[in-house]
Amino acid sequence: MTSRTRWAWLGLGVVGIASVLVFWIFDALPFQDLPAHAGLIALRHRFAESTFDQRFFVLAPHVGPYSLFRFLGEHFAAVVGPVGAVRALATLPMLATPAALLFARKRLHGDPSPTMGFMGLVLSFGMMTLLGFASYLLGLAVMLVCLALWLELLVAADASVSSGATNATGATGATGAAGEGEGTAKKELVMAIAAPMLFIAHGHAFLLFLFVAGIATLSTGNRFERLLRLRALIPALLLAGYVAWLERAGTTPPGSVSVSAGNLEPHFQGPYDKFTLLITPTLMTRTGIDFFIGCVVWLIVVSCTVATVRKLRPEGTTGRALAPATATATTASEAHTRALLAGAVAVGVMFLVLPHTIGWFGFVDGRLVPLFLFLCLMAIRRPALHRWLASLLDRAAPALASGMATIALVASYRFQHEARGYHEVLASVPAESSLLNVPLDPNSDIFTAHPFIHYDKLLLTERPAVVSDIWFHQGSALYPTKENPALRLPPTYTESDLHGVDWSTFKLEDWNYVLIRTRPEASAPIIPQNLRLADHRGGWWLYRTAL
């Protein structure tokens, strides 16, 4: 390892630590869903001893696509509390994504450079990080590892046929990246264990893995031998089928009531809105700096991908001019690249045709943009890059990662003033109260997305209470009893996009308190006469119902 390489690895560690500090050194979190996860972790953690929570909720956990997230959250909470748990959960993708890219690059192309670790840090920030999609981002990192293992298995399957053919003639043939004569049984066993882990990490990431893995299987190589290796995915598919049976329509836990899944009608965006999603892998703030960084990322990724495609040899070329071991590694690397590029193209087509939301499940197409970039980064072959392009990649990646970490730290510091007052206002809500959350303006002047929509859930981290918007599904493992006032909210109620309230549609007698969020400089909101101001700090207005 050269001195320059050692300094690069040291720099990766420093920038990684700075990136992680975003989740730990500030009190107020701008990451939209994390306050909600903190509240749910606290509720589940005390559920067995809390008769108040048992009155309004049923806890019914079972294995499924969010099991890993719940398991980690529970154990983190036992050590650092529920808020500390979500900080730890948000930290995991920030560590896992660069590690997954480094792992994939090393295994697929023998690339020992830390450059892709920096690129992983860059793409660990962005809109989905700000939305608080920590479980999906962690699942995506696990998916990249599983995909690398799957591609190794496919090349090993190709090599087993080649080895068998050459051995039959008494010659010694190349056996791919796995080494001459090595079978695929061990790799199949590893995949049989890894794929179920991906499923319990995140169901959407698992489905994307199946899609990309299927494309990779059919895109190149000996397709018959590759299709046979789909048997390694049988345990994961059986687990997914079992969970689907548990979640079959109409099934509700004992003591709970059925909750409508809502309108699952897809919503499609126009071409311009779809185009703007391309910048979301680095978009967090309203400064414009992360927008510029995103443009640079796209320029570098596209340039390196085009250079790689241009230097790909026709499939079947054996590289006789190279030493046998080098030819074998080169052939395997090119096979991986072809499969990854085919997967990237397929993901790009999915991005174009998928809706933006399907009922409550949002950002459907936007979730594919980072995956597209990850696949391209995994596909790049360094020997195909011109010296200046390789130098640009190696020099720009640390600068981009440092820039994203700096922006996130500075923006989070400024956000603290914008969020001020929530501790004091929530402290005014006594235990075993019901709280209706009405975030009239949940947005930030600093960050994009809606960072304030779930701050009411932080009440649950301190004391038992019932709040107005809990996710009732397998992911939270929580379901409502018939006494839960959330069942009587108007169908139009949504915390993320209110902008106005028709108070006549709410049954205020169900709620002891009403929490309203406005901009800190805004005047008092217009409220019904039967609400009395209990506390006001910054943009937080707490009202007591007087019924």
Protein backbone atom coordinates (compact mmCIF):
# COMPACT_ATOMS: atom_id res chain seq x y z
CA MET A 1 0.00 0.00 0.00
CA THR A 2 1.46 3.35 -1.05
CA SER A 3 1.63 6.39 1.21
CA ARG A 4 -1.01 8.09 -0.94
CA THR A 5 -3.36 5.13 -0.55
CA ARG A 6 -2.88 5.08 3.23
CA TRP A 7 -3.75 8.78 3.40
CA ALA A 8 -6.84 8.13 1.26
CA TRP A 9 -8.03 5.41 3.65
CA LEU A 10 -7.37 7.70 6.60
CA GLY A 11 -9.35 10.43 4.88
CA LEU A 12 -12.23 8.02 4.33
CA GLY A 13 -12.29 7.29 8.05
CA VAL A 14 -12.26 10.99 8.97
CA VAL A 15 -15.04 11.91 6.54
CA GLY A 16 -17.02 8.86 7.66
CA ILE A 17 -16.81 9.97 11.30
CA ALA A 18 -17.88 13.50 10.34
CA SER A 19 -20.84 12.06 8.41
CA VAL A 20 -21.94 9.93 11.35
CA LEU A 21 -21.77 12.90 13.74
CA VAL A 22 -24.72 14.45 11.89
CA PHE A 23 -26.94 11.99 13.73
CA TRP A 24 -25.35 12.36 17.16
CA ILE A 25 -24.21 15.88 18.09
CA PHE A 26 -27.46 17.78 17.55
CA ASP A 27 -30.59 17.68 19.67
CA ALA A 28 -33.26 18.29 17.01
CA LEU A 29 -33.29 15.77 14.15
CA PRO A 30 -34.28 17.02 10.67
CA PHE A 31 -34.81 13.47 9.39
CA GLN A 32 -38.55 13.17 8.84
CA ASP A 33 -39.48 9.65 10.02
CA LEU A 34 -36.88 9.23 12.76
CA PRO A 35 -38.93 10.92 15.53
CA ALA A 36 -41.79 8.59 14.66
CA HIS A 37 -39.54 5.54 14.86
CA ALA A 38 -38.24 6.74 18.25
CA GLY A 39 -41.79 6.95 19.59
CA LEU A 40 -42.73 3.52 18.24
CA ILE A 41 -39.60 1.93 19.69
CA ALA A 42 -40.42 3.42 23.10
CA LEU A 43 -44.06 2.28 22.91
CA ARG A 44 -43.11 -1.29 22.03
CA HIS A 45 -40.36 -1.34 24.65
CA ARG A 46 -42.72 -0.56 27.56
CA PHE A 47 -45.85 -2.19 26.14
CA ALA A 48 -45.86 -5.25 28.39
CA GLU A 49 -45.93 -3.08 31.54
CA SER A 50 -48.14 -0.23 30.27
CA THR A 51 -51.86 -0.81 30.77
CA PHE A 52 -52.57 2.56 29.15
CA ASP A 53 -50.84 1.58 25.89
CA GLN A 54 -52.57 -1.80 25.98
CA ARG A 55 -55.91 0.01 26.08
CA PHE A 56 -55.31 1.63 22.69
CA PHE A 57 -52.90 -0.69 20.90
CA VAL A 58 -52.26 -4.35 20.19
CA LEU A 59 -48.63 -5.39 19.79
CA ALA A 60 -48.38 -8.30 17.35
CA PRO A 61 -44.86 -8.66 15.93
CA HIS A 62 -44.01 -11.42 13.51
CA VAL A 63 -41.21 -12.08 11.09
CA GLY A 64 -41.36 -9.87 8.04
CA PRO A 65 -39.65 -7.20 5.94
CA TYR A 66 -39.04 -4.86 8.92
CA SER A 67 -38.02 -7.46 11.49
CA LEU A 68 -34.33 -6.54 11.41
CA PHE A 69 -35.12 -2.85 11.96
CA ARG A 70 -37.40 -3.63 14.92
CA PHE A 71 -34.90 -6.09 16.41
CA LEU A 72 -32.02 -3.61 16.23
CA GLY A 73 -34.18 -0.77 17.52
CA GLU A 74 -35.27 -2.76 20.56
CA HIS A 75 -31.72 -3.71 21.51
CA PHE A 76 -30.31 -0.25 20.86
CA ALA A 77 -33.07 1.27 23.01
CA ALA A 78 -32.12 -0.96 25.93
CA VAL A 79 -28.67 0.66 25.87
CA VAL A 80 -29.09 4.26 24.68
CA GLY A 81 -32.85 4.86 24.89
CA PRO A 82 -35.35 5.23 22.03
CA VAL A 83 -33.96 8.50 20.64
CA GLY A 84 -30.45 7.11 20.81
CA ALA A 85 -31.76 3.99 19.07
CA VAL A 86 -32.95 5.91 16.02
CA ARG A 87 -29.66 7.77 15.91
CA ALA A 88 -27.91 4.39 15.83
CA LEU A 89 -30.32 3.05 13.20
CA ALA A 90 -29.69 6.09 10.99
CA THR A 91 -25.95 5.62 11.47
CA LEU A 92 -26.00 2.05 10.16
CA PRO A 93 -26.71 2.91 6.48
CA MET A 94 -24.07 5.64 6.63
CA LEU A 95 -21.55 2.96 7.54
CA ALA A 96 -23.03 0.05 5.58
CA THR A 97 -23.39 1.75 2.19
CA PRO A 98 -19.71 2.66 1.69
CA ALA A 99 -18.71 -0.71 3.14
CA ALA A 100 -21.05 -2.51 0.72
CA LEU A 101 -19.62 -0.67 -2.29
CA LEU A 102 -16.04 -1.38 -1.18
CA PHE A 103 -16.92 -5.05 -0.66
CA ALA A 104 -18.56 -5.31 -4.08
CA ARG A 105 -15.71 -3.55 -5.89
CA LYS A 106 -13.10 -5.77 -4.22
CA ARG A 107 -14.96 -9.02 -4.84
CA LEU A 108 -16.10 -8.29 -8.40
CA HIS A 109 -13.13 -6.40 -9.84
CA GLY A 110 -10.30 -6.78 -7.32
CA ASP A 111 -10.38 -3.01 -6.76
CA PRO A 112 -8.61 -2.14 -3.47
CA SER A 113 -9.12 1.62 -3.77
CA PRO A 114 -11.11 3.56 -1.10
CA THR A 115 -12.62 5.78 -3.82
CA MET A 116 -15.96 3.98 -3.93
CA GLY A 117 -16.19 4.28 -0.16
CA PHE A 118 -16.20 8.06 -0.60
CA MET A 119 -18.86 7.76 -3.30
CA GLY A 120 -20.89 5.60 -0.93
CA LEU A 121 -20.73 8.37 1.68
CA VAL A 122 -21.89 10.93 -0.87
CA LEU A 123 -24.91 8.82 -1.75
CA SER A 124 -25.61 7.99 1.90
CA PHE A 125 -26.93 11.53 2.21
CA GLY A 126 -29.81 12.73 0.08
CA MET A 127 -33.57 12.92 0.02
CA MET A 128 -34.19 9.43 1.38
CA THR A 129 -31.85 10.06 4.30
CA LEU A 130 -33.77 13.27 5.00
CA LEU A 131 -37.07 11.40 4.75
CA GLY A 132 -35.79 9.08 7.47
CA PHE A 133 -35.92 5.95 5.29
CA ALA A 134 -33.19 4.33 7.39
CA SER A 135 -34.67 0.84 7.07
CA TYR A 136 -34.77 1.04 3.26
CA LEU A 137 -31.26 2.49 3.05
CA LEU A 138 -29.93 -0.29 5.26
CA GLY A 139 -31.80 -2.82 3.13
CA LEU A 140 -30.27 -1.27 0.01
CA ALA A 141 -26.77 -1.70 1.43
CA VAL A 142 -27.53 -5.35 2.25
CA MET A 143 -28.88 -5.72 -1.27
CA LEU A 144 -25.58 -4.53 -2.81
CA VAL A 145 -23.71 -7.18 -0.82
CA CYS A 146 -26.20 -9.88 -1.85
CA LEU A 147 -25.96 -8.80 -5.48
CA ALA A 148 -22.16 -9.06 -5.41
CA LEU A 149 -22.43 -12.56 -3.93
CA TRP A 150 -25.02 -13.49 -6.56
CA LEU A 151 -22.82 -12.28 -9.42
CA GLU A 152 -19.92 -14.33 -8.06
CA LEU A 153 -22.17 -17.37 -7.97
CA LEU A 154 -23.25 -16.82 -11.59
CA VAL A 155 -19.66 -16.52 -12.84
CA ALA A 156 -18.73 -19.61 -10.84
CA ALA A 157 -21.60 -21.45 -12.55
CA ASP A 158 -20.28 -20.35 -15.95
CA ALA A 159 -16.78 -21.45 -14.97
CA SER A 160 -17.94 -24.89 -13.85
CA VAL A 161 -19.20 -25.58 -17.37
CA SER A 162 -16.01 -24.24 -18.92
CA SER A 163 -13.91 -26.33 -16.55
CA GLY A 164 -15.89 -29.44 -17.32
CA ALA A 165 -15.48 -28.92 -21.06
CA THR A 166 -11.73 -28.37 -20.88
CA ASN A 167 -11.15 -31.24 -18.46
CA ALA A 168 -12.91 -33.56 -20.87
CA THR A 169 -10.21 -32.79 -23.46
CA GLY A 170 -7.37 -33.02 -20.95
CA ALA A 171 -6.76 -29.27 -20.91
CA THR A 172 -6.80 -26.87 -18.00
CA GLY A 173 -9.41 -24.09 -18.41
CA ALA A 174 -10.24 -20.91 -16.57
CA THR A 175 -12.77 -21.22 -13.83
CA GLY A 176 -13.62 -17.56 -13.23
CA ALA A 177 -13.09 -15.43 -10.18
CA ALA A 178 -13.76 -18.31 -7.82
CA GLY A 179 -10.56 -20.12 -8.81
CA GLU A 180 -9.98 -23.09 -11.08
CA GLY A 181 -12.16 -26.11 -10.37
CA GLU A 182 -14.03 -24.56 -7.46
CA GLY A 183 -17.67 -25.59 -7.27
CA THR A 184 -20.68 -23.43 -6.55
CA ALA A 185 -22.14 -25.31 -3.59
CA LYS A 186 -20.52 -23.08 -0.97
CA LYS A 187 -21.58 -19.94 -2.80
CA GLU A 188 -25.14 -21.25 -3.07
CA LEU A 189 -25.19 -21.89 0.66
CA VAL A 190 -23.99 -18.35 1.36
CA MET A 191 -26.74 -16.97 -0.91
CA ALA A 192 -29.35 -19.18 0.76
CA ILE A 193 -28.45 -17.51 4.07
CA ALA A 194 -27.95 -13.94 2.79
CA ALA A 195 -31.17 -13.60 0.78
CA PRO A 196 -33.54 -14.19 3.76
CA MET A 197 -31.50 -11.63 5.72
CA LEU A 198 -32.20 -9.14 2.95
CA PHE A 199 -35.91 -9.91 3.11
CA ILE A 200 -36.16 -9.23 6.84
CA ALA A 201 -34.14 -6.04 6.35
CA HIS A 202 -36.58 -4.52 3.85
CA GLY A 203 -39.18 -6.03 1.55
CA HIS A 204 -38.85 -3.44 -1.22
CA ALA A 205 -35.07 -3.91 -1.34
CA PHE A 206 -35.66 -7.67 -1.54
CA LEU A 207 -38.00 -7.27 -4.52
CA LEU A 208 -35.48 -5.04 -6.26
CA PHE A 209 -32.79 -7.63 -5.64
CA LEU A 210 -34.94 -10.35 -7.23
CA PHE A 211 -35.50 -8.10 -10.24
CA VAL A 212 -31.85 -7.14 -10.75
CA ALA A 213 -30.62 -10.66 -9.98
CA GLY A 214 -33.04 -12.02 -12.57
CA ILE A 215 -31.75 -9.57 -15.19
CA ALA A 216 -28.16 -10.49 -14.33
CA THR A 217 -28.96 -14.19 -14.65
CA LEU A 218 -30.37 -13.82 -18.14
CA SER A 219 -28.13 -11.08 -19.51
CA THR A 220 -24.94 -13.05 -20.17
CA GLY A 221 -23.09 -16.32 -19.57
CA ASN A 222 -24.48 -19.86 -19.62
CA ARG A 223 -28.14 -19.11 -18.97
CA PHE A 224 -29.13 -22.68 -18.23
CA GLU A 225 -26.49 -23.11 -15.54
CA ARG A 226 -27.30 -19.68 -14.14
CA LEU A 227 -31.02 -20.41 -13.93
CA LEU A 228 -30.26 -23.57 -12.00
CA ARG A 229 -28.65 -21.42 -9.29
CA LEU A 230 -31.98 -19.76 -8.60
CA ARG A 231 -32.50 -22.68 -6.24
CA ALA A 232 -30.29 -20.78 -3.78
CA LEU A 233 -33.10 -18.24 -3.43
CA ILE A 234 -35.75 -20.83 -2.51
CA PRO A 235 -35.41 -20.30 1.29
CA ALA A 236 -35.93 -16.55 0.89
CA LEU A 237 -38.89 -17.06 -1.43
CA LEU A 238 -40.48 -19.53 0.97
CA LEU A 239 -40.05 -17.04 3.82
CA ALA A 240 -41.60 -14.28 1.72
CA GLY A 241 -44.52 -16.52 0.85
CA TYR A 242 -45.06 -17.41 4.49
CA VAL A 243 -45.09 -13.73 5.50
CA ALA A 244 -47.49 -12.93 2.66
CA TRP A 245 -49.79 -15.63 4.02
CA LEU A 246 -49.57 -14.10 7.52
CA GLU A 247 -50.41 -10.69 6.05
CA ARG A 248 -53.29 -11.99 3.92
CA ALA A 249 -56.21 -9.61 3.50
CA GLY A 250 -58.60 -9.41 6.41
CA THR A 251 -56.20 -10.79 9.00
CA THR A 252 -56.13 -8.76 12.21
CA PRO A 253 -54.48 -9.65 15.52
CA PRO A 254 -56.83 -10.68 18.38
CA GLY A 255 -58.09 -7.64 20.24
CA SER A 256 -57.50 -5.30 17.30
CA VAL A 257 -59.88 -3.95 14.70
CA SER A 258 -59.43 -3.99 10.96
CA VAL A 259 -57.82 -0.91 9.48
CA SER A 260 -58.46 -0.09 5.87
CA ALA A 261 -55.34 -0.08 3.75
CA GLY A 262 -56.67 3.08 2.15
CA ASN A 263 -56.75 3.98 -1.48
CA LEU A 264 -53.88 2.18 -3.21
CA GLU A 265 -54.40 4.07 -6.46
CA PRO A 266 -51.04 4.94 -8.05
CA HIS A 267 -50.11 8.57 -8.60
CA PHE A 268 -47.87 9.42 -11.55
CA GLN A 269 -45.82 12.57 -11.87
CA GLY A 270 -45.24 14.57 -15.03
CA PRO A 271 -42.00 14.39 -17.06
CA TYR A 272 -40.49 17.45 -15.36
CA ASP A 273 -41.17 16.15 -11.84
CA LYS A 274 -39.75 12.80 -12.85
CA PHE A 275 -36.64 14.52 -14.19
CA THR A 276 -36.11 16.47 -10.96
CA LEU A 277 -35.93 13.19 -9.02
CA LEU A 278 -32.56 12.52 -10.64
CA ILE A 279 -30.91 14.99 -8.28
CA THR A 280 -32.49 13.59 -5.09
CA PRO A 281 -29.61 11.16 -4.24
CA THR A 282 -27.69 14.17 -2.88
CA LEU A 283 -30.49 16.68 -2.27
CA MET A 284 -30.97 17.61 1.41
CA THR A 285 -30.86 21.38 1.82
CA ARG A 286 -32.08 24.51 0.09
CA THR A 287 -28.54 25.89 -0.30
CA GLY A 288 -27.97 24.65 -3.85
CA ILE A 289 -24.56 23.23 -2.94
CA ASP A 290 -25.81 19.66 -2.66
CA PHE A 291 -27.62 20.19 -5.99
CA PHE A 292 -24.28 21.10 -7.58
CA ILE A 293 -22.63 18.06 -5.97
CA GLY A 294 -25.36 15.87 -7.42
CA CYS A 295 -24.70 17.22 -10.91
CA VAL A 296 -20.97 16.46 -10.51
CA VAL A 297 -21.79 12.93 -9.31
CA TRP A 298 -23.92 12.29 -12.38
CA LEU A 299 -21.23 13.69 -14.68
CA ILE A 300 -18.55 11.44 -13.19
CA VAL A 301 -20.72 8.32 -13.05
CA VAL A 302 -21.96 8.72 -16.63
CA SER A 303 -18.46 9.45 -17.96
CA CYS A 304 -16.93 6.42 -16.23
CA THR A 305 -19.82 4.17 -17.30
CA VAL A 306 -19.55 5.25 -20.94
CA ALA A 307 -15.80 4.67 -20.88
CA THR A 308 -16.37 1.21 -19.41
CA VAL A 309 -18.94 0.30 -22.05
CA ARG A 310 -16.68 1.44 -24.86
CA LYS A 311 -13.83 -0.82 -23.70
CA LEU A 312 -15.91 -3.95 -23.11
CA ARG A 313 -14.70 -6.75 -25.34
CA PRO A 314 -17.18 -8.92 -27.23
CA GLU A 315 -18.58 -11.65 -24.99
CA GLY A 316 -16.62 -14.87 -25.31
CA THR A 317 -13.23 -13.22 -25.83
CA THR A 318 -10.79 -15.12 -23.65
CA GLY A 319 -7.87 -12.73 -23.56
CA ARG A 320 -5.25 -15.20 -24.80
CA ALA A 321 -2.56 -12.50 -24.80
CA LEU A 322 -2.84 -12.31 -21.01
CA ALA A 323 -1.51 -14.69 -18.42
CA PRO A 324 -4.12 -17.37 -17.55
CA ALA A 325 -4.87 -16.00 -14.08
CA THR A 326 -5.14 -12.43 -15.42
CA ALA A 327 -7.33 -13.54 -18.30
CA THR A 328 -9.60 -15.37 -15.87
CA ALA A 329 -9.97 -12.32 -13.59
CA THR A 330 -10.54 -10.03 -16.58
CA THR A 331 -13.22 -12.30 -18.03
CA ALA A 332 -15.03 -12.50 -14.68
CA SER A 333 -14.81 -8.74 -14.17
CA GLU A 334 -16.26 -8.07 -17.61
CA ALA A 335 -19.05 -10.58 -17.01
CA HIS A 336 -19.93 -8.79 -13.77
CA THR A 337 -19.92 -5.46 -15.59
CA ARG A 338 -22.25 -6.69 -18.32
CA ALA A 339 -24.70 -8.03 -15.75
CA LEU A 340 -24.60 -4.83 -13.68
CA LEU A 341 -25.08 -2.60 -16.70
CA ALA A 342 -28.03 -4.70 -17.82
CA GLY A 343 -29.48 -4.32 -14.33
CA ALA A 344 -28.90 -0.55 -14.42
CA VAL A 345 -30.72 -0.25 -17.73
CA ALA A 346 -33.63 -2.30 -16.40
CA VAL A 347 -33.80 -0.17 -13.22
CA GLY A 348 -33.78 2.96 -15.39
CA VAL A 349 -36.76 1.67 -17.35
CA MET A 350 -38.56 0.86 -14.08
CA PHE A 351 -37.91 4.41 -12.91
CA LEU A 352 -39.60 5.77 -16.02
CA VAL A 353 -42.73 3.61 -15.81
CA LEU A 354 -43.37 3.36 -12.04
CA PRO A 355 -45.65 5.85 -10.24
CA HIS A 356 -44.40 8.27 -7.61
CA THR A 357 -46.75 6.96 -4.93
CA ILE A 358 -49.02 3.95 -4.45
CA GLY A 359 -51.46 4.88 -1.71
CA TRP A 360 -49.51 5.42 1.51
CA PHE A 361 -46.28 4.03 0.00
CA GLY A 362 -44.44 7.05 -1.34
CA PHE A 363 -41.33 7.93 -3.30
CA VAL A 364 -41.65 4.70 -5.29
CA ASP A 365 -39.76 5.82 -8.40
CA GLY A 366 -37.39 8.05 -6.43
CA ARG A 367 -36.05 5.05 -4.52
CA LEU A 368 -34.62 3.66 -7.75
CA VAL A 369 -32.33 6.59 -8.58
CA PRO A 370 -29.61 5.80 -5.98
CA LEU A 371 -29.81 2.13 -6.96
CA PHE A 372 -29.13 3.05 -10.58
CA LEU A 373 -26.05 5.00 -9.51
CA PHE A 374 -24.89 2.18 -7.24
CA LEU A 375 -25.14 -0.35 -10.08
CA CYS A 376 -23.12 1.90 -12.37
CA LEU A 377 -20.46 2.43 -9.69
CA MET A 378 -20.23 -1.33 -9.18
CA ALA A 379 -19.95 -1.86 -12.95
CA ILE A 380 -17.08 0.57 -13.66
CA ARG A 381 -13.85 -1.11 -14.71
CA ARG A 382 -10.71 0.86 -13.86
CA PRO A 383 -8.64 -0.55 -16.78
CA ALA A 384 -11.21 1.01 -19.12
CA LEU A 385 -10.78 4.52 -17.70
CA HIS A 386 -8.37 6.98 -19.25
CA ARG A 387 -5.71 8.18 -16.83
CA TRP A 388 -7.28 11.63 -16.48
CA LEU A 389 -10.74 10.16 -15.84
CA ALA A 390 -9.46 7.75 -13.20
CA SER A 391 -7.58 10.63 -11.55
CA LEU A 392 -10.74 12.77 -11.62
CA LEU A 393 -12.73 9.97 -9.95
CA ASP A 394 -10.11 9.45 -7.24
CA ARG A 395 -9.69 13.16 -6.51
CA ALA A 396 -13.32 14.24 -6.79
CA ALA A 397 -14.81 11.49 -4.60
CA PRO A 398 -13.16 12.65 -1.33
CA ALA A 399 -14.03 16.29 -2.09
CA LEU A 400 -17.66 15.45 -2.81
CA ALA A 401 -17.99 13.33 0.34
CA SER A 402 -16.38 16.07 2.45
CA GLY A 403 -18.73 18.61 0.92
CA MET A 404 -21.85 16.57 1.69
CA ALA A 405 -20.76 15.94 5.29
CA THR A 406 -20.01 19.65 5.80
CA ILE A 407 -23.34 20.74 4.35
CA ALA A 408 -25.24 18.29 6.56
CA LEU A 409 -23.38 19.42 9.69
CA VAL A 410 -23.83 23.15 9.05
CA ALA A 411 -27.49 22.77 8.05
CA SER A 412 -28.22 20.65 11.14
CA TYR A 413 -26.63 23.32 13.34
CA ARG A 414 -28.86 26.01 11.82
CA PHE A 415 -31.89 23.74 12.11
CA GLN A 416 -31.66 23.75 15.90
CA HIS A 417 -32.90 27.34 16.06
CA GLU A 418 -35.77 26.53 13.71
CA ALA A 419 -36.87 23.56 15.86
CA ARG A 420 -36.56 25.34 19.21
CA GLY A 421 -39.32 24.94 21.75
CA TYR A 422 -40.54 21.41 21.07
CA HIS A 423 -39.09 20.00 24.29
CA GLU A 424 -40.90 22.53 26.45
CA VAL A 425 -44.21 22.23 24.60
CA LEU A 426 -44.24 18.42 24.71
CA ALA A 427 -43.32 18.56 28.41
CA SER A 428 -46.65 20.36 28.98
CA VAL A 429 -48.58 17.26 27.86
CA PRO A 430 -49.16 14.99 30.88
CA ALA A 431 -48.87 11.22 30.79
CA GLU A 432 -51.81 9.15 29.53
CA SER A 433 -53.14 12.01 27.39
CA SER A 434 -54.35 11.99 23.81
CA LEU A 435 -52.62 14.37 21.39
CA LEU A 436 -53.91 15.43 17.96
CA ASN A 437 -51.07 16.55 15.70
CA VAL A 438 -51.88 19.31 13.18
CA PRO A 439 -48.66 20.39 11.43
CA LEU A 440 -49.97 23.29 9.36
CA ASP A 441 -46.44 24.02 8.16
CA PRO A 442 -44.15 21.02 8.68
CA ASN A 443 -41.45 22.32 6.35
CA SER A 444 -38.05 23.85 7.00
CA ASP A 445 -36.32 26.87 5.49
CA ILE A 446 -33.06 24.94 5.69
CA PHE A 447 -33.83 21.34 4.78
CA THR A 448 -36.15 19.96 2.13
CA ALA A 449 -38.88 17.35 2.88
CA HIS A 450 -41.15 17.74 5.95
CA PRO A 451 -38.92 17.42 9.05
CA PHE A 452 -41.59 18.43 11.61
CA ILE A 453 -44.50 16.16 10.81
CA HIS A 454 -43.67 13.45 13.38
CA TYR A 455 -42.32 15.49 16.30
CA ASP A 456 -45.48 14.67 18.26
CA LYS A 457 -44.24 11.04 18.47
CA LEU A 458 -41.35 12.22 20.66
CA LEU A 459 -43.94 12.50 23.44
CA LEU A 460 -44.08 8.68 23.39
CA THR A 461 -40.38 8.48 24.22
CA GLU A 462 -41.03 10.16 27.58
CA ARG A 463 -44.39 8.83 28.77
CA PRO A 464 -47.43 6.77 27.73
CA ALA A 465 -49.82 8.68 25.45
CA VAL A 466 -51.91 8.18 22.35
CA VAL A 467 -51.12 10.28 19.29
CA SER A 468 -53.04 10.77 16.12
CA ASP A 469 -50.95 9.06 13.46
CA ILE A 470 -49.38 5.65 14.10
CA TRP A 471 -48.40 3.29 11.30
CA PHE A 472 -50.67 0.28 11.74
CA HIS A 473 -49.00 -2.56 9.83
CA GLN A 474 -46.38 -5.30 10.08
CA GLY A 475 -43.55 -2.80 10.07
CA SER A 476 -44.58 -1.16 13.34
CA ALA A 477 -46.13 -4.38 14.73
CA LEU A 478 -48.82 -2.13 16.27
CA TYR A 479 -52.55 -2.29 15.60
CA PRO A 480 -55.41 -0.23 17.07
CA THR A 481 -58.05 -1.36 19.51
CA LYS A 482 -61.58 -0.09 19.04
CA GLU A 483 -60.93 2.62 21.66
CA ASN A 484 -58.12 4.22 19.67
CA PRO A 485 -59.27 7.73 18.65
CA ALA A 486 -57.11 7.60 15.52
CA LEU A 487 -59.80 5.37 13.99
CA ARG A 488 -62.19 8.32 14.05
CA LEU A 489 -59.96 10.81 12.24
CA PRO A 490 -61.35 12.18 8.97
CA PRO A 491 -60.24 10.24 5.87
CA THR A 492 -58.57 13.39 4.52
CA TYR A 493 -56.27 13.72 7.54
CA THR A 494 -52.59 13.47 6.66
CA GLU A 495 -49.73 14.93 8.65
CA SER A 496 -47.49 15.57 5.67
CA ASP A 497 -49.61 17.95 3.61
CA LEU A 498 -52.34 19.75 5.56
CA HIS A 499 -51.94 23.45 4.64
CA GLY A 500 -55.35 24.02 6.14
CA VAL A 501 -57.81 22.37 8.51
CA ASP A 502 -61.55 21.91 8.37
CA TRP A 503 -62.04 21.66 12.12
CA SER A 504 -65.65 20.55 11.70
CA THR A 505 -64.44 17.16 10.41
CA PHE A 506 -62.52 16.41 13.64
CA LYS A 507 -64.04 14.93 16.77
CA LEU A 508 -62.11 17.10 19.21
CA GLU A 509 -63.79 15.37 22.15
CA ASP A 510 -61.47 12.42 21.38
CA TRP A 511 -58.38 14.48 22.14
CA ASN A 512 -57.06 16.13 25.32
CA TYR A 513 -54.52 18.27 23.49
CA VAL A 514 -53.93 19.62 19.98
CA LEU A 515 -50.39 20.35 18.75
CA ILE A 516 -50.08 22.80 15.85
CA ARG A 517 -46.87 23.53 13.99
CA THR A 518 -46.36 26.80 12.10
CA ARG A 519 -43.32 28.77 11.06
CA PRO A 520 -41.64 30.33 14.11
CA GLU A 521 -42.44 33.86 12.94
CA ALA A 522 -46.07 33.10 12.00
CA SER A 523 -49.02 34.55 13.87
CA ALA A 524 -51.35 32.43 15.98
CA PRO A 525 -53.35 29.91 13.93
CA ILE A 526 -57.11 30.15 13.58
CA ILE A 527 -58.67 27.59 15.92
CA PRO A 528 -62.11 26.57 17.20
CA GLN A 529 -63.46 28.38 20.27
CA ASN A 530 -63.27 25.25 22.41
CA LEU A 531 -59.45 25.16 22.27
CA ARG A 532 -57.42 26.96 24.95
CA LEU A 533 -53.73 27.84 24.57
CA ALA A 534 -51.60 25.72 26.92
CA ASP A 535 -48.12 26.63 25.68
CA HIS A 536 -46.39 28.35 22.79
CA ARG A 537 -42.69 28.21 21.93
CA GLY A 538 -41.26 29.13 18.53
CA GLY A 539 -43.42 27.49 15.88
CA TRP A 540 -45.11 25.12 18.36
CA TRP A 541 -48.64 25.85 19.62
CA LEU A 542 -50.19 23.51 22.19
CA TYR A 543 -53.92 23.80 22.92
CA ARG A 544 -56.02 22.15 25.60
CA THR A 545 -59.48 21.06 24.62
CA ALA A 546 -62.15 22.68 26.82
CA LEU A 547 -65.13 20.39 26.46
